[in-house]
Amino acid sequence: MTKKELFFKLKEKLDTLYENPHCTLDYTTPFELLVATILSAQCTDARVNIVTKTIFPTYNTPEAFAKLSEAEIAKMIQSTGFYKNKAKNIRNCAAMLVEEYDGIVPDTMEELTKLAGVGRKTASVILGEIYKKPAIVIDTHAKRLANRMGLTRQTDPVKIELELAKFIPREFQFDFCHRLVAHGRAVCKAQKPDCQGCILHDTCKYGQKALKKG
C-alpha cells in the first residue's frame, strides 16, 4: 500500500469520527489567532483561551501590543509558560506588523516566518485557518500520529510536513491535521493510546502491533 492509499484509508475513518474539525483556540481576528498560537507553544489550548479571554478585550491589535513593554506582556501571559520569551516575541512580532505590514497579518509562509516567534507550525495555522490555504500543521499530536500510523518515519516536524505534502492532496491537508489532533487528544494519547477501542486499529501500523502484543 502506498502512503497516499494509506492516507485515504485513514482519512475515510477519521472523517466519520470528526465531521467538523475546528481550531480550539478562541479568536475573532487574524492577529488574535497569531498571538494565541504563539502562546500555545508548550501550553494547552484550554489554558491559552483562559489567558486570552482576559487580554483580548483590551489588547487585540498589533498597535496595542507594540505599545506595551515586554514586562507588561509577560505579566499577562505568565501562566502559559516560557512567558518571558513569548512576551519578547509577541511584542517584536506586533511591532514588525505595524512597521512593515500596516498591522495586517501576512498570508504567505515566507512573510509569516519572518515574524518573531512564528515558525512553520504557527504560520501553517494562520494560512489554513484564516486564509483557507493548503497547510499542514505538525504539532506534537500530528507528529506522534503520523509516525504511529505509518505516514512517515521522520521525527523533525518540518521534514514530516514536507513529506506529507507530497502525497496528501492540497484540499485535504488542513482538515486532516485537525482530525489528527482531535484523535490524538481523544484516543491516540502519548502514554496510553486506546488501540483496542480505536477505529483505526486495523489500518494503523502501531495499533496492529499493539493488539498483537496484547
N, C-alpha and C. Protein backbone atom coordinates (compact mmCIF):
# COMPACT_ATOMS: atom_id res chain seq x y z
N MET A 1 0.84 -1.20 0.00
CA MET A 1 0.00 0.00 0.00
C MET A 1 0.88 1.25 0.00
N THR A 2 0.61 2.16 -0.89
CA THR A 2 1.37 3.41 -0.92
C THR A 2 0.93 4.30 0.23
N LYS A 3 1.72 5.31 0.53
CA LYS A 3 1.35 6.22 1.60
C LYS A 3 0.11 7.03 1.24
N LYS A 4 -0.06 7.32 -0.03
CA LYS A 4 -1.26 8.04 -0.46
C LYS A 4 -2.49 7.17 -0.25
N GLU A 5 -2.39 5.89 -0.56
CA GLU A 5 -3.51 4.97 -0.34
C GLU A 5 -3.80 4.83 1.15
N LEU A 6 -2.74 4.76 1.95
CA LEU A 6 -2.91 4.69 3.40
C LEU A 6 -3.60 5.94 3.92
N PHE A 7 -3.17 7.09 3.42
CA PHE A 7 -3.79 8.35 3.83
C PHE A 7 -5.29 8.32 3.59
N PHE A 8 -5.73 7.89 2.42
CA PHE A 8 -7.16 7.90 2.12
C PHE A 8 -7.94 6.92 2.99
N LYS A 9 -7.33 5.80 3.36
CA LYS A 9 -7.99 4.86 4.26
C LYS A 9 -8.17 5.48 5.65
N LEU A 10 -7.12 6.15 6.11
CA LEU A 10 -7.18 6.82 7.41
C LEU A 10 -8.17 7.98 7.38
N LYS A 11 -8.11 8.74 6.32
CA LYS A 11 -8.99 9.90 6.18
C LYS A 11 -10.46 9.49 6.22
N GLU A 12 -10.80 8.41 5.51
CA GLU A 12 -12.19 7.97 5.45
C GLU A 12 -12.74 7.67 6.85
N LYS A 13 -11.91 7.04 7.66
CA LYS A 13 -12.37 6.69 9.01
C LYS A 13 -12.37 7.90 9.94
N LEU A 14 -11.34 8.72 9.85
CA LEU A 14 -11.30 9.92 10.70
C LEU A 14 -12.42 10.89 10.37
N ASP A 15 -12.81 10.94 9.10
CA ASP A 15 -13.91 11.81 8.68
C ASP A 15 -15.21 11.44 9.38
N THR A 16 -15.41 10.15 9.63
CA THR A 16 -16.65 9.71 10.28
C THR A 16 -16.64 10.06 11.77
N LEU A 17 -15.44 10.10 12.36
CA LEU A 17 -15.34 10.41 13.78
C LEU A 17 -15.41 11.90 14.07
N TYR A 18 -14.78 12.68 13.21
CA TYR A 18 -14.67 14.12 13.44
C TYR A 18 -15.18 14.84 12.21
N GLU A 19 -16.48 15.05 12.17
CA GLU A 19 -17.12 15.59 10.97
C GLU A 19 -16.77 17.05 10.73
N ASN A 20 -16.68 17.81 11.80
CA ASN A 20 -16.42 19.24 11.67
C ASN A 20 -15.21 19.66 12.50
N PRO A 21 -14.03 19.31 12.05
CA PRO A 21 -12.83 19.68 12.81
C PRO A 21 -12.65 21.19 12.83
N HIS A 22 -12.18 21.71 13.95
CA HIS A 22 -12.04 23.16 14.04
C HIS A 22 -10.90 23.53 14.97
N CYS A 23 -10.47 24.74 14.86
CA CYS A 23 -9.43 25.27 15.72
C CYS A 23 -9.98 25.43 17.13
N THR A 24 -9.24 24.96 18.13
CA THR A 24 -9.72 25.04 19.51
C THR A 24 -9.19 26.27 20.25
N LEU A 25 -8.49 27.12 19.55
CA LEU A 25 -8.07 28.40 20.13
C LEU A 25 -9.15 29.44 19.85
N ASP A 26 -9.50 30.22 20.86
CA ASP A 26 -10.53 31.25 20.70
C ASP A 26 -9.91 32.51 20.10
N TYR A 27 -10.57 33.07 19.09
CA TYR A 27 -10.07 34.29 18.46
C TYR A 27 -11.20 34.93 17.64
N THR A 28 -11.04 36.21 17.35
CA THR A 28 -12.00 36.90 16.47
C THR A 28 -11.32 37.60 15.31
N THR A 29 -10.00 37.75 15.37
CA THR A 29 -9.26 38.41 14.28
C THR A 29 -8.01 37.60 13.96
N PRO A 30 -7.43 37.78 12.78
CA PRO A 30 -6.19 37.08 12.44
C PRO A 30 -5.08 37.33 13.45
N PHE A 31 -4.96 38.57 13.92
CA PHE A 31 -3.90 38.87 14.88
C PHE A 31 -4.13 38.16 16.21
N GLU A 32 -5.36 38.08 16.65
CA GLU A 32 -5.65 37.35 17.89
C GLU A 32 -5.25 35.89 17.76
N LEU A 33 -5.54 35.28 16.63
CA LEU A 33 -5.15 33.89 16.43
C LEU A 33 -3.63 33.75 16.41
N LEU A 34 -2.96 34.71 15.81
CA LEU A 34 -1.50 34.69 15.77
C LEU A 34 -0.93 34.71 17.18
N VAL A 35 -1.42 35.61 18.01
CA VAL A 35 -0.96 35.70 19.40
C VAL A 35 -1.28 34.41 20.15
N ALA A 36 -2.50 33.92 20.00
CA ALA A 36 -2.92 32.71 20.70
C ALA A 36 -2.06 31.51 20.30
N THR A 37 -1.71 31.43 19.02
CA THR A 37 -0.90 30.31 18.55
C THR A 37 0.52 30.39 19.09
N ILE A 38 1.06 31.59 19.18
CA ILE A 38 2.39 31.76 19.78
C ILE A 38 2.34 31.33 21.25
N LEU A 39 1.28 31.69 21.93
CA LEU A 39 1.14 31.33 23.34
C LEU A 39 0.95 29.83 23.54
N SER A 40 0.44 29.14 22.53
CA SER A 40 0.11 27.72 22.67
C SER A 40 1.34 26.81 22.67
N ALA A 41 2.51 27.34 22.37
CA ALA A 41 3.73 26.53 22.41
C ALA A 41 3.96 26.01 23.82
N GLN A 42 4.06 24.69 23.97
CA GLN A 42 4.27 24.07 25.28
C GLN A 42 3.17 24.45 26.27
N CYS A 43 1.97 24.63 25.76
CA CYS A 43 0.84 25.01 26.62
C CYS A 43 -0.44 24.49 25.97
N THR A 44 -1.43 24.15 26.79
CA THR A 44 -2.69 23.65 26.24
C THR A 44 -3.52 24.78 25.68
N ASP A 45 -4.34 24.47 24.69
CA ASP A 45 -5.24 25.47 24.13
C ASP A 45 -6.21 25.97 25.18
N ALA A 46 -6.62 25.08 26.07
CA ALA A 46 -7.57 25.47 27.13
C ALA A 46 -6.98 26.56 28.01
N ARG A 47 -5.72 26.41 28.39
CA ARG A 47 -5.06 27.42 29.22
C ARG A 47 -4.89 28.73 28.45
N VAL A 48 -4.50 28.63 27.17
CA VAL A 48 -4.35 29.83 26.35
C VAL A 48 -5.68 30.58 26.27
N ASN A 49 -6.77 29.87 26.10
CA ASN A 49 -8.08 30.52 25.99
C ASN A 49 -8.46 31.24 27.28
N ILE A 50 -8.06 30.69 28.41
CA ILE A 50 -8.32 31.35 29.70
C ILE A 50 -7.56 32.68 29.77
N VAL A 51 -6.31 32.63 29.32
CA VAL A 51 -5.46 33.82 29.37
C VAL A 51 -5.93 34.88 28.38
N THR A 52 -6.18 34.48 27.14
CA THR A 52 -6.56 35.48 26.13
C THR A 52 -7.94 36.07 26.39
N LYS A 53 -8.77 35.34 27.11
CA LYS A 53 -10.10 35.86 27.45
C LYS A 53 -10.00 37.14 28.28
N THR A 54 -8.93 37.24 29.06
CA THR A 54 -8.73 38.44 29.90
C THR A 54 -7.94 39.52 29.17
N ILE A 55 -7.20 39.12 28.13
CA ILE A 55 -6.34 40.08 27.42
C ILE A 55 -7.02 40.73 26.23
N PHE A 56 -7.63 39.93 25.38
CA PHE A 56 -8.13 40.43 24.10
C PHE A 56 -9.21 41.51 24.18
N PRO A 57 -10.03 41.55 25.22
CA PRO A 57 -10.99 42.66 25.28
C PRO A 57 -10.31 44.03 25.33
N THR A 58 -9.07 44.08 25.82
CA THR A 58 -8.35 45.36 25.93
C THR A 58 -7.23 45.49 24.89
N TYR A 59 -6.49 44.40 24.70
CA TYR A 59 -5.36 44.42 23.76
C TYR A 59 -5.60 43.37 22.68
N ASN A 60 -5.92 43.82 21.48
CA ASN A 60 -6.23 42.86 20.41
C ASN A 60 -5.75 43.29 19.03
N THR A 61 -4.83 44.26 19.00
CA THR A 61 -4.28 44.71 17.72
C THR A 61 -2.77 44.78 17.82
N PRO A 62 -2.07 44.73 16.70
CA PRO A 62 -0.61 44.89 16.74
C PRO A 62 -0.21 46.22 17.36
N GLU A 63 -0.97 47.25 17.05
CA GLU A 63 -0.66 48.58 17.58
C GLU A 63 -0.71 48.59 19.11
N ALA A 64 -1.71 47.92 19.67
CA ALA A 64 -1.87 47.90 21.13
C ALA A 64 -0.73 47.13 21.79
N PHE A 65 -0.36 45.99 21.23
CA PHE A 65 0.71 45.19 21.81
C PHE A 65 2.07 45.85 21.64
N ALA A 66 2.27 46.54 20.53
CA ALA A 66 3.56 47.19 20.28
C ALA A 66 3.83 48.30 21.29
N LYS A 67 2.78 48.85 21.88
CA LYS A 67 2.93 49.92 22.86
C LYS A 67 3.22 49.40 24.26
N LEU A 68 3.01 48.11 24.47
CA LEU A 68 3.27 47.51 25.78
C LEU A 68 4.75 47.15 25.92
N SER A 69 5.22 47.07 27.14
CA SER A 69 6.57 46.61 27.39
C SER A 69 6.57 45.08 27.46
N GLU A 70 7.75 44.50 27.31
CA GLU A 70 7.85 43.04 27.43
C GLU A 70 7.39 42.60 28.83
N ALA A 71 7.72 43.38 29.84
CA ALA A 71 7.36 43.03 31.21
C ALA A 71 5.84 43.05 31.39
N GLU A 72 5.18 44.00 30.76
CA GLU A 72 3.72 44.08 30.87
C GLU A 72 3.05 42.88 30.20
N ILE A 73 3.57 42.51 29.04
CA ILE A 73 3.01 41.36 28.35
C ILE A 73 3.29 40.08 29.13
N ALA A 74 4.51 39.97 29.64
CA ALA A 74 4.91 38.78 30.39
C ALA A 74 4.00 38.55 31.60
N LYS A 75 3.65 39.62 32.27
CA LYS A 75 2.79 39.51 33.45
C LYS A 75 1.42 38.96 33.07
N MET A 76 0.92 39.35 31.90
CA MET A 76 -0.41 38.93 31.47
C MET A 76 -0.44 37.47 31.01
N ILE A 77 0.70 36.97 30.51
CA ILE A 77 0.71 35.63 29.91
C ILE A 77 1.49 34.62 30.73
N GLN A 78 1.83 34.96 31.94
CA GLN A 78 2.74 34.15 32.75
C GLN A 78 2.32 32.69 32.87
N SER A 79 1.05 32.43 33.00
CA SER A 79 0.58 31.06 33.24
C SER A 79 0.69 30.16 32.01
N THR A 80 1.08 30.72 30.85
CA THR A 80 1.21 29.89 29.65
C THR A 80 2.59 29.23 29.55
N GLY A 81 3.50 29.61 30.46
CA GLY A 81 4.83 29.04 30.44
C GLY A 81 5.74 29.74 29.44
N PHE A 82 7.05 29.69 29.71
CA PHE A 82 8.04 30.33 28.84
C PHE A 82 7.62 31.77 28.51
N TYR A 83 7.04 32.42 29.50
CA TYR A 83 6.37 33.70 29.27
C TYR A 83 7.31 34.84 28.91
N LYS A 84 8.55 34.81 29.39
CA LYS A 84 9.47 35.89 29.06
C LYS A 84 9.81 35.87 27.57
N ASN A 85 10.12 34.70 27.04
CA ASN A 85 10.45 34.58 25.63
C ASN A 85 9.22 34.86 24.76
N LYS A 86 8.06 34.36 25.20
CA LYS A 86 6.83 34.61 24.45
C LYS A 86 6.49 36.10 24.43
N ALA A 87 6.68 36.76 25.55
CA ALA A 87 6.39 38.20 25.64
C ALA A 87 7.28 38.98 24.68
N LYS A 88 8.55 38.62 24.65
CA LYS A 88 9.50 39.28 23.73
C LYS A 88 9.08 39.07 22.28
N ASN A 89 8.73 37.83 21.94
CA ASN A 89 8.33 37.53 20.57
C ASN A 89 7.03 38.24 20.17
N ILE A 90 6.07 38.24 21.07
CA ILE A 90 4.78 38.87 20.76
C ILE A 90 4.94 40.37 20.54
N ARG A 91 5.73 41.01 21.41
CA ARG A 91 5.93 42.45 21.23
C ARG A 91 6.68 42.75 19.93
N ASN A 92 7.74 41.99 19.66
CA ASN A 92 8.52 42.22 18.43
C ASN A 92 7.70 41.89 17.19
N CYS A 93 6.89 40.85 17.29
CA CYS A 93 6.02 40.48 16.18
C CYS A 93 5.01 41.60 15.89
N ALA A 94 4.40 42.12 16.95
CA ALA A 94 3.43 43.20 16.80
C ALA A 94 4.08 44.44 16.20
N ALA A 95 5.28 44.77 16.67
CA ALA A 95 5.98 45.95 16.15
C ALA A 95 6.30 45.79 14.67
N MET A 96 6.71 44.60 14.27
CA MET A 96 7.04 44.36 12.87
C MET A 96 5.79 44.44 11.99
N LEU A 97 4.68 43.94 12.51
CA LEU A 97 3.43 44.03 11.76
C LEU A 97 3.03 45.49 11.54
N VAL A 98 3.22 46.29 12.55
CA VAL A 98 2.88 47.72 12.44
C VAL A 98 3.81 48.43 11.47
N GLU A 99 5.11 48.16 11.60
CA GLU A 99 6.11 48.88 10.82
C GLU A 99 6.19 48.44 9.36
N GLU A 100 5.98 47.15 9.11
CA GLU A 100 6.21 46.63 7.76
C GLU A 100 4.96 46.13 7.03
N TYR A 101 3.88 45.89 7.78
CA TYR A 101 2.69 45.32 7.15
C TYR A 101 1.40 46.10 7.44
N ASP A 102 1.56 47.34 7.92
CA ASP A 102 0.39 48.18 8.23
C ASP A 102 -0.58 47.49 9.17
N GLY A 103 -0.04 46.66 10.05
CA GLY A 103 -0.87 45.99 11.05
C GLY A 103 -1.64 44.79 10.52
N ILE A 104 -1.38 44.38 9.29
CA ILE A 104 -2.10 43.26 8.68
C ILE A 104 -1.25 41.99 8.73
N VAL A 105 -1.83 40.90 9.20
CA VAL A 105 -1.12 39.63 9.25
C VAL A 105 -0.93 39.11 7.83
N PRO A 106 0.30 38.86 7.40
CA PRO A 106 0.56 38.43 6.02
C PRO A 106 0.00 37.04 5.73
N ASP A 107 -0.06 36.70 4.43
CA ASP A 107 -0.71 35.45 4.03
C ASP A 107 0.20 34.50 3.26
N THR A 108 1.50 34.60 3.50
CA THR A 108 2.43 33.66 2.87
C THR A 108 3.35 33.08 3.94
N MET A 109 3.80 31.86 3.69
CA MET A 109 4.72 31.21 4.63
C MET A 109 5.99 32.03 4.79
N GLU A 110 6.51 32.55 3.70
CA GLU A 110 7.77 33.30 3.73
C GLU A 110 7.65 34.54 4.63
N GLU A 111 6.56 35.28 4.46
CA GLU A 111 6.41 36.51 5.25
C GLU A 111 6.07 36.19 6.71
N LEU A 112 5.24 35.21 6.93
CA LEU A 112 4.84 34.88 8.30
C LEU A 112 6.03 34.42 9.13
N THR A 113 6.89 33.60 8.54
CA THR A 113 8.03 33.08 9.31
C THR A 113 9.14 34.09 9.52
N LYS A 114 8.99 35.27 8.96
CA LYS A 114 9.91 36.36 9.26
C LYS A 114 9.55 37.04 10.58
N LEU A 115 8.32 36.85 11.01
CA LEU A 115 7.84 37.48 12.24
C LEU A 115 8.43 36.79 13.46
N ALA A 116 8.71 37.55 14.50
CA ALA A 116 9.27 37.00 15.74
C ALA A 116 8.32 35.96 16.33
N GLY A 117 8.87 34.81 16.70
CA GLY A 117 8.08 33.78 17.36
C GLY A 117 7.22 32.94 16.45
N VAL A 118 7.33 33.17 15.15
CA VAL A 118 6.48 32.44 14.19
C VAL A 118 7.30 31.44 13.40
N GLY A 119 7.10 30.17 13.72
CA GLY A 119 7.73 29.10 12.96
C GLY A 119 6.75 28.56 11.93
N ARG A 120 7.10 27.47 11.30
CA ARG A 120 6.25 26.92 10.24
C ARG A 120 4.91 26.43 10.78
N LYS A 121 4.91 25.88 12.00
CA LYS A 121 3.65 25.39 12.55
C LYS A 121 2.67 26.54 12.76
N THR A 122 3.13 27.61 13.39
CA THR A 122 2.26 28.77 13.62
C THR A 122 1.82 29.38 12.30
N ALA A 123 2.75 29.49 11.37
CA ALA A 123 2.41 30.05 10.06
C ALA A 123 1.36 29.19 9.36
N SER A 124 1.48 27.89 9.47
CA SER A 124 0.52 26.99 8.83
C SER A 124 -0.87 27.13 9.43
N VAL A 125 -0.93 27.35 10.73
CA VAL A 125 -2.23 27.58 11.38
C VAL A 125 -2.90 28.81 10.78
N ILE A 126 -2.15 29.88 10.63
CA ILE A 126 -2.69 31.12 10.06
C ILE A 126 -3.11 30.91 8.61
N LEU A 127 -2.26 30.26 7.84
CA LEU A 127 -2.55 30.06 6.41
C LEU A 127 -3.82 29.23 6.23
N GLY A 128 -3.96 28.17 7.00
CA GLY A 128 -5.11 27.29 6.84
C GLY A 128 -6.37 27.83 7.46
N GLU A 129 -6.26 28.36 8.67
CA GLU A 129 -7.45 28.81 9.41
C GLU A 129 -7.97 30.15 8.90
N ILE A 130 -7.09 31.10 8.68
CA ILE A 130 -7.50 32.45 8.30
C ILE A 130 -7.64 32.59 6.78
N TYR A 131 -6.65 32.13 6.07
CA TYR A 131 -6.63 32.39 4.63
C TYR A 131 -7.08 31.20 3.77
N LYS A 132 -7.47 30.11 4.46
CA LYS A 132 -8.04 28.93 3.76
C LYS A 132 -7.12 28.41 2.68
N LYS A 133 -5.83 28.46 2.95
CA LYS A 133 -4.85 27.93 2.02
C LYS A 133 -4.41 26.54 2.46
N PRO A 134 -3.91 25.72 1.52
CA PRO A 134 -3.40 24.41 1.91
C PRO A 134 -2.30 24.57 2.96
N ALA A 135 -2.38 23.79 4.02
CA ALA A 135 -1.39 23.91 5.08
C ALA A 135 -1.36 22.63 5.90
N ILE A 136 -0.19 22.19 6.25
CA ILE A 136 -0.01 21.02 7.10
C ILE A 136 0.57 21.47 8.42
N VAL A 137 -0.21 21.31 9.47
CA VAL A 137 0.20 21.76 10.81
C VAL A 137 0.72 20.55 11.59
N ILE A 138 1.98 20.57 11.92
CA ILE A 138 2.58 19.46 12.66
C ILE A 138 2.87 19.91 14.10
N ASP A 139 1.93 19.58 14.97
CA ASP A 139 2.16 19.80 16.40
C ASP A 139 2.55 18.46 17.02
N THR A 140 2.58 18.38 18.34
CA THR A 140 3.01 17.13 18.99
C THR A 140 2.07 15.98 18.67
N HIS A 141 0.77 16.26 18.56
CA HIS A 141 -0.20 15.20 18.26
C HIS A 141 -0.03 14.70 16.83
N ALA A 142 0.02 15.63 15.88
CA ALA A 142 0.16 15.25 14.48
C ALA A 142 1.47 14.51 14.24
N LYS A 143 2.53 14.94 14.90
CA LYS A 143 3.83 14.27 14.78
C LYS A 143 3.73 12.84 15.27
N ARG A 144 3.13 12.65 16.43
CA ARG A 144 3.01 11.31 17.03
C ARG A 144 2.16 10.39 16.17
N LEU A 145 1.01 10.88 15.74
CA LEU A 145 0.09 10.04 14.98
C LEU A 145 0.60 9.72 13.59
N ALA A 146 1.23 10.69 12.94
CA ALA A 146 1.76 10.44 11.60
C ALA A 146 2.79 9.32 11.62
N ASN A 147 3.58 9.27 12.68
CA ASN A 147 4.56 8.20 12.82
C ASN A 147 3.91 6.88 13.18
N ARG A 148 3.00 6.90 14.12
CA ARG A 148 2.34 5.66 14.54
C ARG A 148 1.54 5.04 13.39
N MET A 149 0.92 5.86 12.59
CA MET A 149 0.07 5.36 11.51
C MET A 149 0.86 4.90 10.28
N GLY A 150 2.15 5.20 10.26
CA GLY A 150 2.97 4.78 9.15
C GLY A 150 3.02 5.75 7.99
N LEU A 151 2.61 7.00 8.24
CA LEU A 151 2.66 8.00 7.18
C LEU A 151 4.06 8.57 7.00
N THR A 152 4.89 8.43 8.01
CA THR A 152 6.26 8.93 7.95
C THR A 152 7.12 8.24 8.98
N ARG A 153 8.42 8.29 8.77
CA ARG A 153 9.37 7.84 9.78
C ARG A 153 10.20 9.00 10.29
N GLN A 154 9.92 10.16 9.77
CA GLN A 154 10.64 11.37 10.16
C GLN A 154 10.26 11.78 11.58
N THR A 155 11.17 12.43 12.27
CA THR A 155 10.88 12.93 13.61
C THR A 155 10.92 14.45 13.67
N ASP A 156 11.56 15.07 12.70
CA ASP A 156 11.61 16.53 12.65
C ASP A 156 10.30 17.06 12.06
N PRO A 157 9.61 17.98 12.75
CA PRO A 157 8.32 18.48 12.29
C PRO A 157 8.33 19.04 10.86
N VAL A 158 9.38 19.76 10.50
CA VAL A 158 9.45 20.33 9.16
C VAL A 158 9.57 19.21 8.11
N LYS A 159 10.38 18.21 8.40
CA LYS A 159 10.54 17.10 7.47
C LYS A 159 9.24 16.31 7.34
N ILE A 160 8.52 16.17 8.45
CA ILE A 160 7.21 15.49 8.41
C ILE A 160 6.25 16.28 7.53
N GLU A 161 6.20 17.58 7.74
CA GLU A 161 5.33 18.45 6.95
C GLU A 161 5.60 18.31 5.46
N LEU A 162 6.86 18.39 5.10
CA LEU A 162 7.23 18.34 3.69
C LEU A 162 6.96 16.96 3.08
N GLU A 163 7.14 15.91 3.87
CA GLU A 163 6.86 14.57 3.34
C GLU A 163 5.36 14.37 3.13
N LEU A 164 4.56 14.76 4.11
CA LEU A 164 3.11 14.59 3.99
C LEU A 164 2.55 15.40 2.82
N ALA A 165 3.16 16.54 2.58
CA ALA A 165 2.68 17.41 1.49
C ALA A 165 2.86 16.76 0.13
N LYS A 166 3.73 15.76 0.04
CA LYS A 166 3.98 15.10 -1.24
C LYS A 166 2.82 14.19 -1.66
N PHE A 167 2.09 13.64 -0.68
CA PHE A 167 1.04 12.68 -1.06
C PHE A 167 -0.36 13.01 -0.54
N ILE A 168 -0.48 14.00 0.34
CA ILE A 168 -1.82 14.41 0.78
C ILE A 168 -2.30 15.53 -0.14
N PRO A 169 -3.40 15.33 -0.85
CA PRO A 169 -3.91 16.37 -1.74
C PRO A 169 -4.12 17.68 -0.99
N ARG A 170 -3.82 18.77 -1.64
CA ARG A 170 -3.84 20.08 -1.01
C ARG A 170 -5.17 20.42 -0.34
N GLU A 171 -6.28 20.00 -0.96
CA GLU A 171 -7.59 20.36 -0.43
C GLU A 171 -7.93 19.63 0.88
N PHE A 172 -7.17 18.58 1.22
CA PHE A 172 -7.45 17.81 2.43
C PHE A 172 -6.45 18.08 3.56
N GLN A 173 -5.40 18.79 3.27
CA GLN A 173 -4.29 18.90 4.21
C GLN A 173 -4.67 19.49 5.56
N PHE A 174 -5.30 20.64 5.55
CA PHE A 174 -5.54 21.34 6.81
C PHE A 174 -6.55 20.60 7.69
N ASP A 175 -7.65 20.16 7.11
CA ASP A 175 -8.66 19.45 7.89
C ASP A 175 -8.14 18.12 8.41
N PHE A 176 -7.30 17.44 7.62
CA PHE A 176 -6.75 16.17 8.07
C PHE A 176 -5.89 16.39 9.32
N CYS A 177 -5.11 17.45 9.34
CA CYS A 177 -4.30 17.75 10.52
C CYS A 177 -5.17 18.04 11.73
N HIS A 178 -6.28 18.74 11.52
CA HIS A 178 -7.22 18.98 12.62
C HIS A 178 -7.71 17.65 13.18
N ARG A 179 -8.00 16.72 12.30
CA ARG A 179 -8.51 15.42 12.73
C ARG A 179 -7.43 14.61 13.46
N LEU A 180 -6.19 14.72 13.02
CA LEU A 180 -5.10 14.06 13.74
C LEU A 180 -4.99 14.59 15.16
N VAL A 181 -5.09 15.89 15.32
CA VAL A 181 -5.00 16.49 16.65
C VAL A 181 -6.17 16.03 17.52
N ALA A 182 -7.37 16.04 16.96
CA ALA A 182 -8.55 15.62 17.71
C ALA A 182 -8.41 14.17 18.15
N HIS A 183 -7.93 13.31 17.26
CA HIS A 183 -7.78 11.89 17.57
C HIS A 183 -6.65 11.68 18.58
N GLY A 184 -5.62 12.48 18.47
CA GLY A 184 -4.53 12.38 19.42
C GLY A 184 -4.95 12.75 20.83
N ARG A 185 -5.81 13.71 20.94
CA ARG A 185 -6.31 14.14 22.25
C ARG A 185 -7.30 13.14 22.84
N ALA A 186 -8.14 12.57 21.98
CA ALA A 186 -9.23 11.72 22.47
C ALA A 186 -8.85 10.25 22.60
N VAL A 187 -8.06 9.72 21.68
CA VAL A 187 -7.83 8.27 21.62
C VAL A 187 -6.36 7.89 21.60
N CYS A 188 -5.62 8.44 20.65
CA CYS A 188 -4.23 8.04 20.43
C CYS A 188 -3.29 8.89 21.28
N LYS A 189 -3.42 8.76 22.59
CA LYS A 189 -2.67 9.59 23.51
C LYS A 189 -1.21 9.13 23.60
N ALA A 190 -0.37 10.02 24.06
CA ALA A 190 1.06 9.74 24.08
C ALA A 190 1.40 8.55 24.97
N GLN A 191 0.85 8.50 26.17
CA GLN A 191 1.23 7.47 27.12
C GLN A 191 0.37 6.21 27.04
N LYS A 192 -0.94 6.37 26.92
CA LYS A 192 -1.82 5.21 26.92
C LYS A 192 -2.82 5.28 25.76
N PRO A 193 -2.34 5.02 24.55
CA PRO A 193 -3.27 5.03 23.41
C PRO A 193 -4.28 3.89 23.51
N ASP A 194 -5.52 4.18 23.20
CA ASP A 194 -6.59 3.17 23.28
C ASP A 194 -6.69 2.43 21.94
N CYS A 195 -5.70 1.60 21.67
CA CYS A 195 -5.68 0.88 20.39
C CYS A 195 -6.87 -0.08 20.27
N GLN A 196 -7.27 -0.69 21.38
CA GLN A 196 -8.37 -1.64 21.35
C GLN A 196 -9.67 -0.97 20.91
N GLY A 197 -9.89 0.26 21.37
CA GLY A 197 -11.13 0.95 21.05
C GLY A 197 -11.01 1.91 19.88
N CYS A 198 -9.89 1.85 19.17
CA CYS A 198 -9.64 2.81 18.08
C CYS A 198 -10.18 2.29 16.76
N ILE A 199 -10.88 3.14 16.05
CA ILE A 199 -11.46 2.79 14.76
C ILE A 199 -10.39 2.53 13.70
N LEU A 200 -9.16 2.96 13.98
CA LEU A 200 -8.08 2.82 13.01
C LEU A 200 -7.19 1.61 13.26
N HIS A 201 -7.52 0.80 14.26
CA HIS A 201 -6.57 -0.24 14.69
C HIS A 201 -6.22 -1.25 13.60
N ASP A 202 -7.11 -1.47 12.62
CA ASP A 202 -6.79 -2.43 11.56
C ASP A 202 -6.05 -1.78 10.39
N THR A 203 -5.86 -0.47 10.47
CA THR A 203 -5.15 0.27 9.42
C THR A 203 -3.82 0.82 9.93
N CYS A 204 -3.80 1.19 11.18
CA CYS A 204 -2.63 1.82 11.79
C CYS A 204 -1.57 0.77 12.14
N LYS A 205 -0.34 0.99 11.73
CA LYS A 205 0.74 0.05 12.00
C LYS A 205 1.01 -0.11 13.50
N TYR A 206 0.98 0.98 14.21
CA TYR A 206 1.21 0.94 15.65
C TYR A 206 0.10 0.14 16.33
N GLY A 207 -1.13 0.39 15.92
CA GLY A 207 -2.27 -0.30 16.50
C GLY A 207 -2.23 -1.79 16.27
N GLN A 208 -1.85 -2.19 15.08
CA GLN A 208 -1.76 -3.62 14.76
C GLN A 208 -0.74 -4.32 15.64
N LYS A 209 0.41 -3.68 15.83
CA LYS A 209 1.46 -4.26 16.67
C LYS A 209 1.02 -4.32 18.13
N ALA A 210 0.36 -3.25 18.57
CA ALA A 210 -0.07 -3.18 19.98
C ALA A 210 -1.10 -4.27 20.28
N LEU A 211 -2.01 -4.52 19.37
CA LEU A 211 -3.03 -5.54 19.60
C LEU A 211 -2.46 -6.94 19.56
N LYS A 212 -1.44 -7.17 18.73
CA LYS A 212 -0.79 -8.49 18.69
C LYS A 212 -0.06 -8.77 20.01
N LYS A 213 0.56 -7.72 20.56
CA LYS A 213 1.27 -7.88 21.83
C LYS A 213 0.29 -8.12 22.98
N GLY A 214 -0.88 -7.41 22.87
CA GLY A 214 -1.87 -7.51 23.94
C GLY A 214 -2.60 -8.83 23.95
